[in-house]
Full PDB file with SEQRES, HELIX, SHEET, SSBOND, CRYST1, ORIGX, SCALE, CONECT and MASTER records, all heavy atoms in Angstrom:
SEQRES   1 A   41  ARG LYS VAL LEU VAL THR THR SER GLY ALA ARG ILE LEU          
SEQRES   2 A   41  VAL ASP LEU SER LYS THR THR SER LEU ASN HIS GLY ASP          
SEQRES   3 A   41  ALA LEU GLU LEU ASP ASN GLY ALA LEU VAL GLU VAL LEU          
SEQRES   4 A   41  ALA ALA                                                      
SHEET    1 AA1 2 LYS A   2  VAL A   5  0                                        
SHEET    2 AA1 2 ARG A  11  VAL A  14 -1                                        
SHEET    1 AA2 2 ALA A  27  GLU A  29  0                                        
SHEET    2 AA2 2 LEU A  35  GLU A  37 -1                                        
CRYST1    1.000    1.000    1.000  90.00  90.00  90.00 P 1           1          
ORIGX1      1.000000  0.000000  0.000000        0.00000                         
ORIGX2      0.000000  1.000000  0.000000        0.00000                         
ORIGX3      0.000000  0.000000  1.000000        0.00000                         
SCALE1      1.000000  0.000000  0.000000        0.00000                         
SCALE2      0.000000  1.000000  0.000000        0.00000                         
SCALE3      0.000000  0.000000  1.000000        0.00000                         
ATOM      1  N   ARG A   1      99.374  75.180 138.192  1.00  0.00           N  
ATOM      2  CA  ARG A   1      98.943  73.941 137.619  1.00  0.00           C  
ATOM      3  C   ARG A   1      98.359  74.200 136.274  1.00  0.00           C  
ATOM      4  O   ARG A   1      97.347  74.920 136.146  1.00  0.00           O  
ATOM      5  CB  ARG A   1      97.986  73.312 138.620  1.00  0.00           C  
ATOM      6  CG  ARG A   1      97.588  71.978 138.180  1.00  0.00           C  
ATOM      7  CD  ARG A   1      96.673  71.270 139.253  1.00  0.00           C  
ATOM      8  NE  ARG A   1      96.006  70.092 138.781  1.00  0.00           N  
ATOM      9  CZ  ARG A   1      96.641  68.863 138.767  1.00  0.00           C  
ATOM     10  NH1 ARG A   1      97.816  68.779 139.228  1.00  0.00           N  
ATOM     11  NH2 ARG A   1      95.925  67.803 138.334  1.00  0.00           N  
ATOM     12  N   LYS A   2      98.936  73.586 135.285  1.00  0.00           N  
ATOM     13  CA  LYS A   2      98.524  73.726 133.969  1.00  0.00           C  
ATOM     14  C   LYS A   2      99.179  72.743 132.957  1.00  0.00           C  
ATOM     15  O   LYS A   2     100.339  72.374 133.216  1.00  0.00           O  
ATOM     16  CB  LYS A   2      98.917  75.264 133.467  1.00  0.00           C  
ATOM     17  CG  LYS A   2      98.323  75.635 132.149  1.00  0.00           C  
ATOM     18  CD  LYS A   2      98.603  77.100 131.891  1.00  0.00           C  
ATOM     19  CE  LYS A   2      97.961  77.494 130.559  1.00  0.00           C  
ATOM     20  NZ  LYS A   2      98.169  78.885 130.327  1.00  0.00           N  
ATOM     21  N   VAL A   3      98.436  72.327 132.038  1.00  0.00           N  
ATOM     22  CA  VAL A   3      98.995  71.531 130.930  1.00  0.00           C  
ATOM     23  C   VAL A   3      99.515  72.420 129.814  1.00  0.00           C  
ATOM     24  O   VAL A   3      98.962  73.278 129.347  1.00  0.00           O  
ATOM     25  CB  VAL A   3      97.961  70.576 130.274  1.00  0.00           C  
ATOM     26  CG1 VAL A   3      98.486  69.807 129.166  1.00  0.00           C  
ATOM     27  CG2 VAL A   3      97.393  69.551 131.382  1.00  0.00           C  
ATOM     28  N   LEU A   4     100.875  72.015 129.485  1.00  0.00           N  
ATOM     29  CA  LEU A   4     101.590  72.909 128.456  1.00  0.00           C  
ATOM     30  C   LEU A   4     101.877  72.013 127.299  1.00  0.00           C  
ATOM     31  O   LEU A   4     102.074  70.762 127.425  1.00  0.00           O  
ATOM     32  CB  LEU A   4     102.815  73.518 128.968  1.00  0.00           C  
ATOM     33  CG  LEU A   4     102.747  74.437 130.173  1.00  0.00           C  
ATOM     34  CD1 LEU A   4     104.101  74.772 130.710  1.00  0.00           C  
ATOM     35  CD2 LEU A   4     101.867  75.593 129.920  1.00  0.00           C  
ATOM     36  N   VAL A   5     102.039  72.509 126.134  1.00  0.00           N  
ATOM     37  CA  VAL A   5     102.386  71.819 124.968  1.00  0.00           C  
ATOM     38  C   VAL A   5     103.834  72.290 124.470  1.00  0.00           C  
ATOM     39  O   VAL A   5     103.931  73.455 124.286  1.00  0.00           O  
ATOM     40  CB  VAL A   5     101.361  71.848 123.812  1.00  0.00           C  
ATOM     41  CG1 VAL A   5     101.852  71.044 122.645  1.00  0.00           C  
ATOM     42  CG2 VAL A   5     100.009  71.333 124.376  1.00  0.00           C  
ATOM     43  N   THR A   6     104.801  71.399 124.371  1.00  0.00           N  
ATOM     44  CA  THR A   6     106.123  71.835 124.021  1.00  0.00           C  
ATOM     45  C   THR A   6     106.172  72.035 122.488  1.00  0.00           C  
ATOM     46  O   THR A   6     105.167  71.744 121.811  1.00  0.00           O  
ATOM     47  CB  THR A   6     107.180  70.717 124.338  1.00  0.00           C  
ATOM     48  OG1 THR A   6     106.909  69.639 123.556  1.00  0.00           O  
ATOM     49  CG2 THR A   6     107.079  70.410 125.811  1.00  0.00           C  
ATOM     50  N   THR A   7     107.298  72.594 122.012  1.00  0.00           N  
ATOM     51  CA  THR A   7     107.422  72.832 120.566  1.00  0.00           C  
ATOM     52  C   THR A   7     107.472  71.519 119.743  1.00  0.00           C  
ATOM     53  O   THR A   7     107.083  71.488 118.576  1.00  0.00           O  
ATOM     54  CB  THR A   7     108.722  73.572 120.235  1.00  0.00           C  
ATOM     55  OG1 THR A   7     109.868  72.982 120.851  1.00  0.00           O  
ATOM     56  CG2 THR A   7     108.638  75.049 120.873  1.00  0.00           C  
ATOM     57  N   SER A   8     107.708  70.398 120.382  1.00  0.00           N  
ATOM     58  CA  SER A   8     107.716  69.136 119.701  1.00  0.00           C  
ATOM     59  C   SER A   8     106.402  68.430 119.706  1.00  0.00           C  
ATOM     60  O   SER A   8     106.217  67.445 119.196  1.00  0.00           O  
ATOM     61  CB  SER A   8     108.783  68.275 120.219  1.00  0.00           C  
ATOM     62  OG  SER A   8     108.490  67.744 121.572  1.00  0.00           O  
ATOM     63  N   GLY A   9     105.406  68.955 120.536  1.00  0.00           N  
ATOM     64  CA  GLY A   9     104.113  68.576 120.602  1.00  0.00           C  
ATOM     65  C   GLY A   9     103.828  67.693 121.922  1.00  0.00           C  
ATOM     66  O   GLY A   9     102.693  67.231 122.084  1.00  0.00           O  
ATOM     67  N   ALA A  10     104.826  67.569 122.712  1.00  0.00           N  
ATOM     68  CA  ALA A  10     104.601  66.767 123.972  1.00  0.00           C  
ATOM     69  C   ALA A  10     103.815  67.592 124.911  1.00  0.00           C  
ATOM     70  O   ALA A  10     103.908  68.791 125.035  1.00  0.00           O  
ATOM     71  CB  ALA A  10     105.990  66.393 124.597  1.00  0.00           C  
ATOM     72  N   ARG A  11     102.969  66.972 125.618  1.00  0.00           N  
ATOM     73  CA  ARG A  11     102.094  67.519 126.724  1.00  0.00           C  
ATOM     74  C   ARG A  11     102.831  67.281 128.035  1.00  0.00           C  
ATOM     75  O   ARG A  11     103.274  66.222 128.373  1.00  0.00           O  
ATOM     76  CB  ARG A  11     100.773  66.920 126.666  1.00  0.00           C  
ATOM     77  CG  ARG A  11      99.936  67.307 125.436  1.00  0.00           C  
ATOM     78  CD  ARG A  11      98.722  66.443 125.241  1.00  0.00           C  
ATOM     79  NE  ARG A  11      97.851  66.324 126.406  1.00  0.00           N  
ATOM     80  CZ  ARG A  11      96.894  67.232 126.735  1.00  0.00           C  
ATOM     81  NH1 ARG A  11      96.596  68.242 125.929  1.00  0.00           N  
ATOM     82  NH2 ARG A  11      96.120  67.054 127.921  1.00  0.00           N  
ATOM     83  N   ILE A  12     102.822  68.428 128.825  1.00  0.00           N  
ATOM     84  CA  ILE A  12     103.371  68.394 130.146  1.00  0.00           C  
ATOM     85  C   ILE A  12     102.435  68.837 131.196  1.00  0.00           C  
ATOM     86  O   ILE A  12     101.872  70.006 130.934  1.00  0.00           O  
ATOM     87  CB  ILE A  12     104.690  69.263 130.239  1.00  0.00           C  
ATOM     88  CG1 ILE A  12     105.779  68.731 129.202  1.00  0.00           C  
ATOM     89  CG2 ILE A  12     105.265  69.319 131.669  1.00  0.00           C  
ATOM     90  CD1 ILE A  12     106.839  69.782 129.026  1.00  0.00           C  
ATOM     91  N   LEU A  13     102.247  68.186 132.278  1.00  0.00           N  
ATOM     92  CA  LEU A  13     101.531  68.714 133.360  1.00  0.00           C  
ATOM     93  C   LEU A  13     102.410  69.396 134.376  1.00  0.00           C  
ATOM     94  O   LEU A  13     103.243  68.841 134.984  1.00  0.00           O  
ATOM     95  CB  LEU A  13     100.672  67.616 134.173  1.00  0.00           C  
ATOM     96  CG  LEU A  13      99.958  68.111 135.424  1.00  0.00           C  
ATOM     97  CD1 LEU A  13      98.900  69.147 135.157  1.00  0.00           C  
ATOM     98  CD2 LEU A  13      99.422  66.923 136.146  1.00  0.00           C  
ATOM     99  N   VAL A  14     102.284  70.732 134.451  1.00  0.00           N  
ATOM    100  CA  VAL A  14     103.016  71.504 135.500  1.00  0.00           C  
ATOM    101  C   VAL A  14     102.194  71.498 136.714  1.00  0.00           C  
ATOM    102  O   VAL A  14     101.015  71.956 136.714  1.00  0.00           O  
ATOM    103  CB  VAL A  14     103.303  72.903 134.967  1.00  0.00           C  
ATOM    104  CG1 VAL A  14     104.096  73.685 136.090  1.00  0.00           C  
ATOM    105  CG2 VAL A  14     104.142  72.904 133.711  1.00  0.00           C  
ATOM    106  N   ASP A  15     102.688  71.062 137.757  1.00  0.00           N  
ATOM    107  CA  ASP A  15     102.036  70.905 139.121  1.00  0.00           C  
ATOM    108  C   ASP A  15     102.908  71.356 140.209  1.00  0.00           C  
ATOM    109  O   ASP A  15     103.563  70.633 140.929  1.00  0.00           O  
ATOM    110  CB  ASP A  15     101.495  69.464 139.373  1.00  0.00           C  
ATOM    111  CG  ASP A  15     100.641  69.371 140.480  1.00  0.00           C  
ATOM    112  OD1 ASP A  15     100.119  70.349 140.983  1.00  0.00           O  
ATOM    113  OD2 ASP A  15     100.416  68.201 140.879  1.00  0.00           O  
ATOM    114  N   LEU A  16     103.032  72.666 140.398  1.00  0.00           N  
ATOM    115  CA  LEU A  16     103.880  73.232 141.307  1.00  0.00           C  
ATOM    116  C   LEU A  16     103.209  73.553 142.695  1.00  0.00           C  
ATOM    117  O   LEU A  16     101.966  73.640 142.718  1.00  0.00           O  
ATOM    118  CB  LEU A  16     104.403  74.683 140.856  1.00  0.00           C  
ATOM    119  CG  LEU A  16     105.046  74.703 139.435  1.00  0.00           C  
ATOM    120  CD1 LEU A  16     105.457  76.017 138.910  1.00  0.00           C  
ATOM    121  CD2 LEU A  16     106.344  73.708 139.532  1.00  0.00           C  
ATOM    122  N   SER A  17     103.921  73.563 143.728  1.00  0.00           N  
ATOM    123  CA  SER A  17     103.394  73.707 145.080  1.00  0.00           C  
ATOM    124  C   SER A  17     102.779  75.046 145.373  1.00  0.00           C  
ATOM    125  O   SER A  17     101.839  75.267 146.152  1.00  0.00           O  
ATOM    126  CB  SER A  17     104.486  73.391 146.102  1.00  0.00           C  
ATOM    127  OG  SER A  17     105.528  74.345 145.979  1.00  0.00           O  
ATOM    128  N   LYS A  18     103.299  76.045 144.585  1.00  0.00           N  
ATOM    129  CA  LYS A  18     102.764  77.496 144.673  1.00  0.00           C  
ATOM    130  C   LYS A  18     102.887  78.122 143.372  1.00  0.00           C  
ATOM    131  O   LYS A  18     103.615  77.727 142.502  1.00  0.00           O  
ATOM    132  CB  LYS A  18     103.575  78.291 145.731  1.00  0.00           C  
ATOM    133  CG  LYS A  18     105.003  78.378 145.438  1.00  0.00           C  
ATOM    134  CD  LYS A  18     105.730  79.164 146.517  1.00  0.00           C  
ATOM    135  CE  LYS A  18     107.090  79.356 146.252  1.00  0.00           C  
ATOM    136  NZ  LYS A  18     107.899  80.079 147.183  1.00  0.00           N  
ATOM    137  N   THR A  19     102.075  79.236 143.145  1.00  0.00           N  
ATOM    138  CA  THR A  19     102.076  79.946 141.883  1.00  0.00           C  
ATOM    139  C   THR A  19     103.512  80.506 141.745  1.00  0.00           C  
ATOM    140  O   THR A  19     104.007  81.093 142.709  1.00  0.00           O  
ATOM    141  CB  THR A  19     101.034  81.047 141.896  1.00  0.00           C  
ATOM    142  OG1 THR A  19      99.757  80.383 142.155  1.00  0.00           O  
ATOM    143  CG2 THR A  19     101.023  81.752 140.598  1.00  0.00           C  
ATOM    144  N   THR A  20     104.145  80.318 140.590  1.00  0.00           N  
ATOM    145  CA  THR A  20     105.466  80.738 140.364  1.00  0.00           C  
ATOM    146  C   THR A  20     105.488  81.539 138.956  1.00  0.00           C  
ATOM    147  O   THR A  20     104.839  81.340 138.077  1.00  0.00           O  
ATOM    148  CB  THR A  20     106.301  79.429 140.134  1.00  0.00           C  
ATOM    149  OG1 THR A  20     106.084  78.666 141.422  1.00  0.00           O  
ATOM    150  CG2 THR A  20     107.729  79.804 139.887  1.00  0.00           C  
ATOM    151  N   SER A  21     106.419  82.553 139.070  1.00  0.00           N  
ATOM    152  CA  SER A  21     106.708  83.341 137.841  1.00  0.00           C  
ATOM    153  C   SER A  21     107.894  82.755 137.190  1.00  0.00           C  
ATOM    154  O   SER A  21     109.072  82.741 137.782  1.00  0.00           O  
ATOM    155  CB  SER A  21     106.914  84.836 138.221  1.00  0.00           C  
ATOM    156  OG  SER A  21     107.299  85.608 137.086  1.00  0.00           O  
ATOM    157  N   LEU A  22     107.721  82.250 135.960  1.00  0.00           N  
ATOM    158  CA  LEU A  22     108.813  81.699 135.164  1.00  0.00           C  
ATOM    159  C   LEU A  22     109.456  82.765 134.252  1.00  0.00           C  
ATOM    160  O   LEU A  22     108.800  83.657 133.834  1.00  0.00           O  
ATOM    161  CB  LEU A  22     108.336  80.533 134.294  1.00  0.00           C  
ATOM    162  CG  LEU A  22     107.674  79.349 134.992  1.00  0.00           C  
ATOM    163  CD1 LEU A  22     107.087  78.413 134.045  1.00  0.00           C  
ATOM    164  CD2 LEU A  22     108.670  78.763 136.009  1.00  0.00           C  
ATOM    165  N   ASN A  23     110.689  82.706 134.109  1.00  0.00           N  
ATOM    166  CA  ASN A  23     111.483  83.636 133.268  1.00  0.00           C  
ATOM    167  C   ASN A  23     112.006  82.945 131.981  1.00  0.00           C  
ATOM    168  O   ASN A  23     112.221  81.742 132.006  1.00  0.00           O  
ATOM    169  CB  ASN A  23     112.616  84.313 134.023  1.00  0.00           C  
ATOM    170  CG  ASN A  23     112.088  85.152 135.172  1.00  0.00           C  
ATOM    171  OD1 ASN A  23     111.342  85.975 134.933  1.00  0.00           O  
ATOM    172  ND2 ASN A  23     112.673  84.952 136.339  1.00  0.00           N  
ATOM    173  N   HIS A  24     112.259  83.701 130.972  1.00  0.00           N  
ATOM    174  CA  HIS A  24     112.899  83.293 129.799  1.00  0.00           C  
ATOM    175  C   HIS A  24     114.189  82.696 130.175  1.00  0.00           C  
ATOM    176  O   HIS A  24     114.919  83.266 130.940  1.00  0.00           O  
ATOM    177  CB  HIS A  24     113.118  84.371 128.772  1.00  0.00           C  
ATOM    178  CG  HIS A  24     113.822  84.045 127.514  1.00  0.00           C  
ATOM    179  ND1 HIS A  24     113.189  83.441 126.471  1.00  0.00           N  
ATOM    180  CD2 HIS A  24     115.198  83.979 127.250  1.00  0.00           C  
ATOM    181  CE1 HIS A  24     114.147  83.232 125.571  1.00  0.00           C  
ATOM    182  NE2 HIS A  24     115.286  83.638 126.002  1.00  0.00           N  
ATOM    183  N   GLY A  25     114.463  81.311 129.897  1.00  0.00           N  
ATOM    184  CA  GLY A  25     115.655  80.774 130.167  1.00  0.00           C  
ATOM    185  C   GLY A  25     115.586  79.758 131.392  1.00  0.00           C  
ATOM    186  O   GLY A  25     116.606  79.123 131.642  1.00  0.00           O  
ATOM    187  N   ASP A  26     114.575  79.839 132.118  1.00  0.00           N  
ATOM    188  CA  ASP A  26     114.196  78.851 133.187  1.00  0.00           C  
ATOM    189  C   ASP A  26     114.018  77.478 132.468  1.00  0.00           C  
ATOM    190  O   ASP A  26     113.728  77.416 131.311  1.00  0.00           O  
ATOM    191  CB  ASP A  26     113.160  79.264 134.023  1.00  0.00           C  
ATOM    192  CG  ASP A  26     113.405  80.418 134.979  1.00  0.00           C  
ATOM    193  OD1 ASP A  26     114.582  80.754 135.122  1.00  0.00           O  
ATOM    194  OD2 ASP A  26     112.450  80.927 135.522  1.00  0.00           O  
ATOM    195  N   ALA A  27     113.980  76.402 133.286  1.00  0.00           N  
ATOM    196  CA  ALA A  27     113.685  75.115 132.721  1.00  0.00           C  
ATOM    197  C   ALA A  27     112.693  74.308 133.695  1.00  0.00           C  
ATOM    198  O   ALA A  27     112.772  74.462 134.849  1.00  0.00           O  
ATOM    199  CB  ALA A  27     114.936  74.217 132.632  1.00  0.00           C  
ATOM    200  N   LEU A  28     111.817  73.643 133.088  1.00  0.00           N  
ATOM    201  CA  LEU A  28     110.917  72.647 133.708  1.00  0.00           C  
ATOM    202  C   LEU A  28     111.569  71.368 133.873  1.00  0.00           C  
ATOM    203  O   LEU A  28     112.071  70.770 132.911  1.00  0.00           O  
ATOM    204  CB  LEU A  28     109.589  72.652 133.054  1.00  0.00           C  
ATOM    205  CG  LEU A  28     108.843  73.795 132.630  1.00  0.00           C  
ATOM    206  CD1 LEU A  28     107.769  73.516 131.641  1.00  0.00           C  
ATOM    207  CD2 LEU A  28     108.373  74.622 133.789  1.00  0.00           C  
ATOM    208  N   GLU A  29     111.714  70.862 135.118  1.00  0.00           N  
ATOM    209  CA  GLU A  29     112.321  69.572 135.291  1.00  0.00           C  
ATOM    210  C   GLU A  29     111.240  68.524 135.339  1.00  0.00           C  
ATOM    211  O   GLU A  29     110.363  68.565 136.262  1.00  0.00           O  
ATOM    212  CB  GLU A  29     113.198  69.485 136.476  1.00  0.00           C  
ATOM    213  CG  GLU A  29     113.899  68.136 136.690  1.00  0.00           C  
ATOM    214  CD  GLU A  29     114.832  68.078 137.832  1.00  0.00           C  
ATOM    215  OE1 GLU A  29     115.217  69.151 138.509  1.00  0.00           O  
ATOM    216  OE2 GLU A  29     115.285  67.021 138.242  1.00  0.00           O  
ATOM    217  N   LEU A  30     111.260  67.573 134.370  1.00  0.00           N  
ATOM    218  CA  LEU A  30     110.221  66.556 134.331  1.00  0.00           C  
ATOM    219  C   LEU A  30     110.508  65.400 135.360  1.00  0.00           C  
ATOM    220  O   LEU A  30     111.671  65.248 135.737  1.00  0.00           O  
ATOM    221  CB  LEU A  30     110.058  66.128 132.991  1.00  0.00           C  
ATOM    222  CG  LEU A  30     109.856  67.152 131.866  1.00  0.00           C  
ATOM    223  CD1 LEU A  30     109.616  66.490 130.546  1.00  0.00           C  
ATOM    224  CD2 LEU A  30     108.660  68.038 132.223  1.00  0.00           C  
ATOM    225  N   ASP A  31     109.398  64.698 135.586  1.00  0.00           N  
ATOM    226  CA  ASP A  31     109.575  63.547 136.475  1.00  0.00           C  
ATOM    227  C   ASP A  31     110.670  62.568 136.031  1.00  0.00           C  
ATOM    228  O   ASP A  31     111.116  61.762 136.892  1.00  0.00           O  
ATOM    229  CB  ASP A  31     108.162  62.865 136.693  1.00  0.00           C  
ATOM    230  CG  ASP A  31     107.396  62.489 135.509  1.00  0.00           C  
ATOM    231  OD1 ASP A  31     107.924  62.737 134.337  1.00  0.00           O  
ATOM    232  OD2 ASP A  31     106.263  62.187 135.667  1.00  0.00           O  
ATOM    233  N   ASN A  32     110.933  62.428 134.674  1.00  0.00           N  
ATOM    234  CA  ASN A  32     111.922  61.553 134.140  1.00  0.00           C  
ATOM    235  C   ASN A  32     113.300  62.169 134.159  1.00  0.00           C  
ATOM    236  O   ASN A  32     114.272  61.546 133.714  1.00  0.00           O  
ATOM    237  CB  ASN A  32     111.528  61.024 132.797  1.00  0.00           C  
ATOM    238  CG  ASN A  32     111.471  62.084 131.729  1.00  0.00           C  
ATOM    239  OD1 ASN A  32     111.847  63.318 132.079  1.00  0.00           O  
ATOM    240  ND2 ASN A  32     111.005  61.750 130.601  1.00  0.00           N  
ATOM    241  N   GLY A  33     113.462  63.437 134.705  1.00  0.00           N  
ATOM    242  CA  GLY A  33     114.805  64.006 134.640  1.00  0.00           C  
ATOM    243  C   GLY A  33     115.043  64.993 133.544  1.00  0.00           C  
ATOM    244  O   GLY A  33     116.023  65.758 133.461  1.00  0.00           O  
ATOM    245  N   ALA A  34     114.215  64.818 132.403  1.00  0.00           N  
ATOM    246  CA  ALA A  34     114.465  65.691 131.352  1.00  0.00           C  
ATOM    247  C   ALA A  34     114.112  67.158 131.609  1.00  0.00           C  
ATOM    248  O   ALA A  34     113.290  67.507 132.439  1.00  0.00           O  
ATOM    249  CB  ALA A  34     113.623  65.200 130.071  1.00  0.00           C  
ATOM    250  N   LEU A  35     114.753  68.077 130.803  1.00  0.00           N  
ATOM    251  CA  LEU A  35     114.537  69.457 131.101  1.00  0.00           C  
ATOM    252  C   LEU A  35     113.873  70.123 129.785  1.00  0.00           C  
ATOM    253  O   LEU A  35     114.237  69.787 128.754  1.00  0.00           O  
ATOM    254  CB  LEU A  35     115.831  70.281 131.327  1.00  0.00           C  
ATOM    255  CG  LEU A  35     116.591  69.802 132.621  1.00  0.00           C  
ATOM    256  CD1 LEU A  35     118.023  70.453 132.631  1.00  0.00           C  
ATOM    257  CD2 LEU A  35     115.848  70.112 133.838  1.00  0.00           C  
ATOM    258  N   VAL A  36     112.933  71.011 130.139  1.00  0.00           N  
ATOM    259  CA  VAL A  36     112.098  71.717 129.045  1.00  0.00           C  
ATOM    260  C   VAL A  36     112.519  73.196 129.230  1.00  0.00           C  
ATOM    261  O   VAL A  36     111.983  73.741 130.236  1.00  0.00           O  
ATOM    262  CB  VAL A  36     110.706  71.370 128.972  1.00  0.00           C  
ATOM    263  CG1 VAL A  36     109.977  72.234 127.979  1.00  0.00           C  
ATOM    264  CG2 VAL A  36     110.497  69.878 128.780  1.00  0.00           C  
ATOM    265  N   GLU A  37     113.099  73.866 128.280  1.00  0.00           N  
ATOM    266  CA  GLU A  37     113.507  75.248 128.439  1.00  0.00           C  
ATOM    267  C   GLU A  37     112.282  76.087 128.233  1.00  0.00           C  
ATOM    268  O   GLU A  37     111.476  75.955 127.208  1.00  0.00           O  
ATOM    269  CB  GLU A  37     114.559  75.641 127.465  1.00  0.00           C  
ATOM    270  CG  GLU A  37     115.015  77.091 127.705  1.00  0.00           C  
ATOM    271  CD  GLU A  37     116.209  77.509 126.856  1.00  0.00           C  
ATOM    272  OE1 GLU A  37     116.486  76.706 125.826  1.00  0.00           O  
ATOM    273  OE2 GLU A  37     116.797  78.469 126.967  1.00  0.00           O  
ATOM    274  N   VAL A  38     112.012  77.166 129.074  1.00  0.00           N  
ATOM    275  CA  VAL A  38     111.015  78.113 128.869  1.00  0.00           C  
ATOM    276  C   VAL A  38     111.522  79.350 128.126  1.00  0.00           C  
ATOM    277  O   VAL A  38     112.488  79.842 128.344  1.00  0.00           O  
ATOM    278  CB  VAL A  38     110.530  78.586 130.333  1.00  0.00           C  
ATOM    279  CG1 VAL A  38     109.559  79.780 130.128  1.00  0.00           C  
ATOM    280  CG2 VAL A  38     109.965  77.482 131.125  1.00  0.00           C  
ATOM    281  N   LEU A  39     110.724  79.549 126.987  1.00  0.00           N  
ATOM    282  CA  LEU A  39     111.042  80.692 126.086  1.00  0.00           C  
ATOM    283  C   LEU A  39     110.051  81.764 126.165  1.00  0.00           C  
ATOM    284  O   LEU A  39     108.873  81.419 126.228  1.00  0.00           O  
ATOM    285  CB  LEU A  39     111.302  80.206 124.642  1.00  0.00           C  
ATOM    286  CG  LEU A  39     112.340  79.115 124.466  1.00  0.00           C  
ATOM    287  CD1 LEU A  39     112.248  78.610 122.967  1.00  0.00           C  
ATOM    288  CD2 LEU A  39     113.724  79.544 124.759  1.00  0.00           C  
ATOM    289  N   ALA A  40     110.381  82.992 126.047  1.00  0.00           N  
ATOM    290  CA  ALA A  40     109.404  84.032 126.040  1.00  0.00           C  
ATOM    291  C   ALA A  40     108.855  84.014 124.602  1.00  0.00           C  
ATOM    292  O   ALA A  40     109.588  84.207 123.700  1.00  0.00           O  
ATOM    293  CB  ALA A  40     110.124  85.349 126.410  1.00  0.00           C  
ATOM    294  N   ALA A  41     107.553  83.941 124.533  1.00  0.00           N  
ATOM    295  CA  ALA A  41     106.876  83.828 123.204  1.00  0.00           C  
ATOM    296  C   ALA A  41     106.690  85.253 122.601  1.00  0.00           C  
ATOM    297  O   ALA A  41     106.649  86.278 123.440  1.00  0.00           O  
ATOM    298  CB  ALA A  41     105.527  83.173 123.302  1.00  0.00           C  
TER     299      ALA A  41                                                      
MASTER        0    0    0    0    4    0    0    6  298    1    0    4          
END                                                                             
């Protein structure tokens, strides 16, 4: 559970049922159906 800020400046609340390891190339599916790609910084 964490608030993230996308490259365009949008704020997203990630609220997963369990702690998860995300990988480069995974995507966060938002409540409106949009996808946000996870990049390794």
